[in-house]
Amino acid sequence: DIARGLSQAMDVAGFYGDGTGGAPVGIRNTAGVNSVSFTTAAKPTFAELVQMETEIALDNADVEAMAYVANAGFRGYAKTTRRLSTSTDSLALWEPGNTVNGYRAEITNQITAGHVFFGNFADFLIGLWGGLELTVDPYSGSRSGRVRIVGMQDVDFAVRRAASFCFGS
């Protein structure tokens, strides 16, 4: 449970960390990351998702190993929304094989509703120092008969190339 809680905190920080109070800087707050604004909150169009790819390509940072990352609400929306508004196109945004716009699509509910990240995640570096440290503290809550367990993991993130990412909202 402690390791799961720490991994979820690292997941959120990897995307949204703001660098304050000892927190690492995540993709969203890294200077130079591309961005695309969606015209309708939480409902990007196929053209807007393609624009995310285009922003990275314009910076000569596109590679075949890129992926979209969003939350489960995006997946539900994408499975029920056609790519194009023409009556002859019946393809959904969410394609067979868990892809969007031909790229792998991953889901984590650590992503805020309405946000989509796209990029080459091989350019996102995660540094871990030491292992998971657990400290058992029988003293802080001793008056109420409680034992406090504190888990800590030293971690930092680095975006090797900011142009490899695009944030959509």
C-alpha atoms as a PDB file:
ATOM      1  CA  ASP A   1       0.000   0.000   0.000  1.00  0.00           C
ATOM      2  CA  ILE A   2       2.793   2.417   0.847  1.00  0.00           C
ATOM      3  CA  ALA A   3       4.697   1.609  -2.347  1.00  0.00           C
ATOM      4  CA  ARG A   4       1.489   2.046  -4.373  1.00  0.00           C
ATOM      5  CA  GLY A   5       0.836   5.424  -2.752  1.00  0.00           C
ATOM      6  CA  LEU A   6       4.379   6.571  -3.488  1.00  0.00           C
ATOM      7  CA  SER A   7       4.184   5.371  -7.091  1.00  0.00           C
ATOM      8  CA  GLN A   8       0.942   7.310  -7.604  1.00  0.00           C
ATOM      9  CA  ALA A   9       2.568  10.425  -6.147  1.00  0.00           C
ATOM     10  CA  MET A  10       5.526   9.968  -8.511  1.00  0.00           C
ATOM     11  CA  ASP A  11       3.111   9.479 -11.430  1.00  0.00           C
ATOM     12  CA  VAL A  12       1.359  12.786 -10.689  1.00  0.00           C
ATOM     13  CA  ALA A  13       4.667  14.599 -10.137  1.00  0.00           C
ATOM     14  CA  GLY A  14       6.045  13.245 -13.411  1.00  0.00           C
ATOM     15  CA  PHE A  15       3.247  14.932 -15.307  1.00  0.00           C
ATOM     16  CA  TYR A  16       2.414  17.956 -13.128  1.00  0.00           C
ATOM     17  CA  GLY A  17       5.307  18.582 -10.693  1.00  0.00           C
ATOM     18  CA  ASP A  18       5.936  22.304 -10.286  1.00  0.00           C
ATOM     19  CA  GLY A  19       9.425  22.240  -8.752  1.00  0.00           C
ATOM     20  CA  THR A  20       8.411  23.988  -5.524  1.00  0.00           C
ATOM     21  CA  GLY A  21       9.034  22.734  -2.003  1.00  0.00           C
ATOM     22  CA  GLY A  22      11.459  20.062  -3.137  1.00  0.00           C
ATOM     23  CA  ALA A  23       9.041  18.625  -5.696  1.00  0.00           C
ATOM     24  CA  PRO A  24      10.476  17.680  -9.086  1.00  0.00           C
ATOM     25  CA  VAL A  25       9.440  19.467 -12.294  1.00  0.00           C
ATOM     26  CA  GLY A  26       7.058  17.413 -14.418  1.00  0.00           C
ATOM     27  CA  ILE A  27       6.388  17.471 -18.145  1.00  0.00           C
ATOM     28  CA  ARG A  28       3.585  20.059 -17.911  1.00  0.00           C
ATOM     29  CA  ASN A  29       5.822  22.617 -16.190  1.00  0.00           C
ATOM     30  CA  THR A  30       8.969  22.049 -18.243  1.00  0.00           C
ATOM     31  CA  ALA A  31       9.915  25.118 -20.274  1.00  0.00           C
ATOM     32  CA  GLY A  32       9.644  24.574 -24.013  1.00  0.00           C
ATOM     33  CA  VAL A  33       7.007  21.830 -24.016  1.00  0.00           C
ATOM     34  CA  ASN A  34       4.575  22.356 -26.899  1.00  0.00           C
ATOM     35  CA  SER A  35       0.897  22.966 -26.179  1.00  0.00           C
ATOM     36  CA  VAL A  36      -2.422  22.802 -27.990  1.00  0.00           C
ATOM     37  CA  SER A  37      -5.639  24.327 -26.670  1.00  0.00           C
ATOM     38  CA  PHE A  38      -8.808  22.301 -27.178  1.00  0.00           C
ATOM     39  CA  THR A  39     -11.836  24.277 -28.315  1.00  0.00           C
ATOM     40  CA  THR A  40     -14.195  22.191 -26.176  1.00  0.00           C
ATOM     41  CA  ALA A  41     -13.157  21.319 -22.624  1.00  0.00           C
ATOM     42  CA  ALA A  42     -12.276  17.629 -22.179  1.00  0.00           C
ATOM     43  CA  LYS A  43     -13.270  16.819 -25.767  1.00  0.00           C
ATOM     44  CA  PRO A  44     -10.396  17.189 -28.213  1.00  0.00           C
ATOM     45  CA  THR A  45     -11.157  16.777 -31.885  1.00  0.00           C
ATOM     46  CA  PHE A  46      -9.190  14.496 -34.170  1.00  0.00           C
ATOM     47  CA  ALA A  47      -7.685  17.603 -35.773  1.00  0.00           C
ATOM     48  CA  GLU A  48      -6.521  18.865 -32.350  1.00  0.00           C
ATOM     49  CA  LEU A  49      -4.927  15.508 -31.527  1.00  0.00           C
ATOM     50  CA  VAL A  50      -3.174  15.561 -34.915  1.00  0.00           C
ATOM     51  CA  GLN A  51      -2.059  19.136 -34.158  1.00  0.00           C
ATOM     52  CA  MET A  52      -0.290  17.806 -31.046  1.00  0.00           C
ATOM     53  CA  GLU A  53       1.689  15.466 -33.302  1.00  0.00           C
ATOM     54  CA  THR A  54       2.335  18.304 -35.760  1.00  0.00           C
ATOM     55  CA  GLU A  55       3.742  20.606 -33.058  1.00  0.00           C
ATOM     56  CA  ILE A  56       6.349  17.986 -32.192  1.00  0.00           C
ATOM     57  CA  ALA A  57       7.095  17.277 -35.863  1.00  0.00           C
ATOM     58  CA  LEU A  58       7.639  20.989 -36.546  1.00  0.00           C
ATOM     59  CA  ASP A  59      10.390  20.870 -33.913  1.00  0.00           C
ATOM     60  CA  ASN A  60      11.981  17.849 -35.655  1.00  0.00           C
ATOM     61  CA  ALA A  61      11.357  15.773 -32.535  1.00  0.00           C
ATOM     62  CA  ASP A  62       8.881  13.205 -33.813  1.00  0.00           C
ATOM     63  CA  VAL A  63       9.785   9.545 -33.623  1.00  0.00           C
ATOM     64  CA  GLU A  64       7.748   6.414 -34.096  1.00  0.00           C
ATOM     65  CA  ALA A  65       7.778   5.542 -30.382  1.00  0.00           C
ATOM     66  CA  MET A  66       5.480   8.381 -29.306  1.00  0.00           C
ATOM     67  CA  ALA A  67       2.292   7.881 -27.268  1.00  0.00           C
ATOM     68  CA  TYR A  68      -0.779   9.705 -26.008  1.00  0.00           C
ATOM     69  CA  VAL A  69      -1.490   9.631 -22.253  1.00  0.00           C
ATOM     70  CA  ALA A  70      -4.849  10.683 -20.799  1.00  0.00           C
ATOM     71  CA  ASN A  71      -7.383   9.550 -18.202  1.00  0.00           C
ATOM     72  CA  ALA A  72     -10.155   6.966 -18.450  1.00  0.00           C
ATOM     73  CA  GLY A  73     -12.739   9.642 -19.270  1.00  0.00           C
ATOM     74  CA  PHE A  74     -10.818  10.455 -22.445  1.00  0.00           C
ATOM     75  CA  ARG A  75     -10.831   6.787 -23.438  1.00  0.00           C
ATOM     76  CA  GLY A  76     -14.610   6.590 -23.017  1.00  0.00           C
ATOM     77  CA  TYR A  77     -15.075   9.780 -25.012  1.00  0.00           C
ATOM     78  CA  ALA A  78     -12.663   8.630 -27.729  1.00  0.00           C
ATOM     79  CA  LYS A  79     -14.386   5.252 -28.109  1.00  0.00           C
ATOM     80  CA  THR A  80     -17.731   6.912 -28.822  1.00  0.00           C
ATOM     81  CA  THR A  81     -16.595   9.863 -30.954  1.00  0.00           C
ATOM     82  CA  ARG A  82     -15.955   9.676 -34.688  1.00  0.00           C
ATOM     83  CA  ARG A  83     -12.656  10.997 -36.001  1.00  0.00           C
ATOM     84  CA  LEU A  84     -14.296  13.101 -38.682  1.00  0.00           C
ATOM     85  CA  SER A  85     -17.757  14.637 -38.676  1.00  0.00           C
ATOM     86  CA  THR A  86     -18.598  13.374 -42.151  1.00  0.00           C
ATOM     87  CA  SER A  87     -21.338  10.798 -42.348  1.00  0.00           C
ATOM     88  CA  THR A  88     -19.107   8.405 -44.333  1.00  0.00           C
ATOM     89  CA  ASP A  89     -16.430   8.147 -41.630  1.00  0.00           C
ATOM     90  CA  SER A  90     -17.324   5.641 -38.938  1.00  0.00           C
ATOM     91  CA  LEU A  91     -13.861   5.373 -37.361  1.00  0.00           C
ATOM     92  CA  ALA A  92     -13.673   6.350 -33.700  1.00  0.00           C
ATOM     93  CA  LEU A  93     -10.871   8.447 -32.197  1.00  0.00           C
ATOM     94  CA  TRP A  94      -9.884   5.369 -30.161  1.00  0.00           C
ATOM     95  CA  GLU A  95      -8.615   2.851 -32.686  1.00  0.00           C
ATOM     96  CA  PRO A  96      -8.271  -0.940 -32.459  1.00  0.00           C
ATOM     97  CA  GLY A  97      -5.143  -1.991 -30.595  1.00  0.00           C
ATOM     98  CA  ASN A  98      -5.449   0.883 -28.086  1.00  0.00           C
ATOM     99  CA  THR A  99      -4.138   3.545 -30.430  1.00  0.00           C
ATOM    100  CA  VAL A 100      -5.128   7.118 -31.225  1.00  0.00           C
ATOM    101  CA  ASN A 101      -4.032   8.725 -34.504  1.00  0.00           C
ATOM    102  CA  GLY A 102      -1.936   5.604 -35.108  1.00  0.00           C
ATOM    103  CA  TYR A 103       0.051   6.007 -31.855  1.00  0.00           C
ATOM    104  CA  ARG A 104      -0.077   3.974 -28.646  1.00  0.00           C
ATOM    105  CA  ALA A 105      -2.540   5.357 -26.101  1.00  0.00           C
ATOM    106  CA  GLU A 106      -2.045   4.877 -22.357  1.00  0.00           C
ATOM    107  CA  ILE A 107      -4.497   5.611 -19.558  1.00  0.00           C
ATOM    108  CA  THR A 108      -3.837   6.788 -16.021  1.00  0.00           C
ATOM    109  CA  ASN A 109      -6.313   8.540 -13.797  1.00  0.00           C
ATOM    110  CA  GLN A 110      -3.463  10.656 -12.480  1.00  0.00           C
ATOM    111  CA  ILE A 111      -4.058  12.851 -15.541  1.00  0.00           C
ATOM    112  CA  THR A 112      -6.568  15.654 -14.960  1.00  0.00           C
ATOM    113  CA  ALA A 113      -9.835  15.369 -16.896  1.00  0.00           C
ATOM    114  CA  GLY A 114      -9.551  17.267 -20.167  1.00  0.00           C
ATOM    115  CA  HIS A 115      -5.765  17.018 -20.360  1.00  0.00           C
ATOM    116  CA  VAL A 116      -3.859  14.927 -22.893  1.00  0.00           C
ATOM    117  CA  PHE A 117      -0.092  14.455 -23.047  1.00  0.00           C
ATOM    118  CA  PHE A 118       1.606  13.326 -26.242  1.00  0.00           C
ATOM    119  CA  GLY A 119       5.231  12.703 -26.912  1.00  0.00           C
ATOM    120  CA  ASN A 120       8.320  10.567 -27.000  1.00  0.00           C
ATOM    121  CA  PHE A 121       8.424   9.241 -23.453  1.00  0.00           C
ATOM    122  CA  ALA A 122      11.933   7.871 -24.054  1.00  0.00           C
ATOM    123  CA  ASP A 123      12.933  11.537 -23.636  1.00  0.00           C
ATOM    124  CA  PHE A 124      11.475  11.587 -20.110  1.00  0.00           C
ATOM    125  CA  LEU A 125      14.080  10.469 -17.593  1.00  0.00           C
ATOM    126  CA  ILE A 126      13.303   9.206 -14.105  1.00  0.00           C
ATOM    127  CA  GLY A 127      16.083   9.118 -11.529  1.00  0.00           C
ATOM    128  CA  LEU A 128      15.655   7.073  -8.354  1.00  0.00           C
ATOM    129  CA  TRP A 129      18.249   7.225  -5.585  1.00  0.00           C
ATOM    130  CA  GLY A 130      18.383   4.316  -3.217  1.00  0.00           C
ATOM    131  CA  GLY A 131      15.456   2.058  -2.577  1.00  0.00           C
ATOM    132  CA  LEU A 132      12.159   2.596  -0.866  1.00  0.00           C
ATOM    133  CA  GLU A 133      12.916   3.716   2.679  1.00  0.00           C
ATOM    134  CA  LEU A 134      10.460   2.791   5.433  1.00  0.00           C
ATOM    135  CA  THR A 135      10.673   4.308   8.888  1.00  0.00           C
ATOM    136  CA  VAL A 136       8.617   2.846  11.709  1.00  0.00           C
ATOM    137  CA  ASP A 137       7.759   5.516  14.282  1.00  0.00           C
ATOM    138  CA  PRO A 138       6.167   4.064  17.439  1.00  0.00           C
ATOM    139  CA  TYR A 139       6.555   7.367  19.337  1.00  0.00           C
ATOM    140  CA  SER A 140       4.545  10.099  17.532  1.00  0.00           C
ATOM    141  CA  GLY A 141       1.216   8.376  18.084  1.00  0.00           C
ATOM    142  CA  SER A 142       2.102   6.477  21.239  1.00  0.00           C
ATOM    143  CA  ARG A 143      -0.539   8.216  23.365  1.00  0.00           C
ATOM    144  CA  SER A 144      -3.272   6.784  21.149  1.00  0.00           C
ATOM    145  CA  GLY A 145      -1.584   3.415  20.684  1.00  0.00           C
ATOM    146  CA  ARG A 146      -0.688   4.053  17.044  1.00  0.00           C
ATOM    147  CA  VAL A 147       2.399   3.343  15.034  1.00  0.00           C
ATOM    148  CA  ARG A 148       3.273   5.639  12.181  1.00  0.00           C
ATOM    149  CA  ILE A 149       5.028   4.243   9.109  1.00  0.00           C
ATOM    150  CA  VAL A 150       6.702   6.735   6.794  1.00  0.00           C
ATOM    151  CA  GLY A 151       7.758   5.784   3.279  1.00  0.00           C
ATOM    152  CA  MET A 152      10.237   7.818   1.254  1.00  0.00           C
ATOM    153  CA  GLN A 153      11.721   7.506  -2.205  1.00  0.00           C
ATOM    154  CA  ASP A 154      14.196  10.039  -3.600  1.00  0.00           C
ATOM    155  CA  VAL A 155      13.173  10.747  -7.187  1.00  0.00           C
ATOM    156  CA  ASP A 156      13.756  13.374  -9.832  1.00  0.00           C
ATOM    157  CA  PHE A 157      12.682  13.832 -13.428  1.00  0.00           C
ATOM    158  CA  ALA A 158      14.316  15.365 -16.460  1.00  0.00           C
ATOM    159  CA  VAL A 159      12.917  16.041 -19.887  1.00  0.00           C
ATOM    160  CA  ARG A 160      15.821  15.367 -22.231  1.00  0.00           C
ATOM    161  CA  ARG A 161      14.202  17.377 -25.033  1.00  0.00           C
ATOM    162  CA  ALA A 162      11.172  19.550 -24.291  1.00  0.00           C
ATOM    163  CA  ALA A 163      10.213  19.667 -27.968  1.00  0.00           C
ATOM    164  CA  SER A 164       9.498  15.914 -27.753  1.00  0.00           C
ATOM    165  CA  PHE A 165       6.293  16.618 -25.818  1.00  0.00           C
ATOM    166  CA  CYS A 166       2.985  18.373 -26.307  1.00  0.00           C
ATOM    167  CA  PHE A 167       0.386  19.158 -23.646  1.00  0.00           C
ATOM    168  CA  GLY A 168      -3.231  19.493 -24.717  1.00  0.00           C
ATOM    169  CA  SER A 169      -6.031  21.005 -22.674  1.00  0.00           C
END
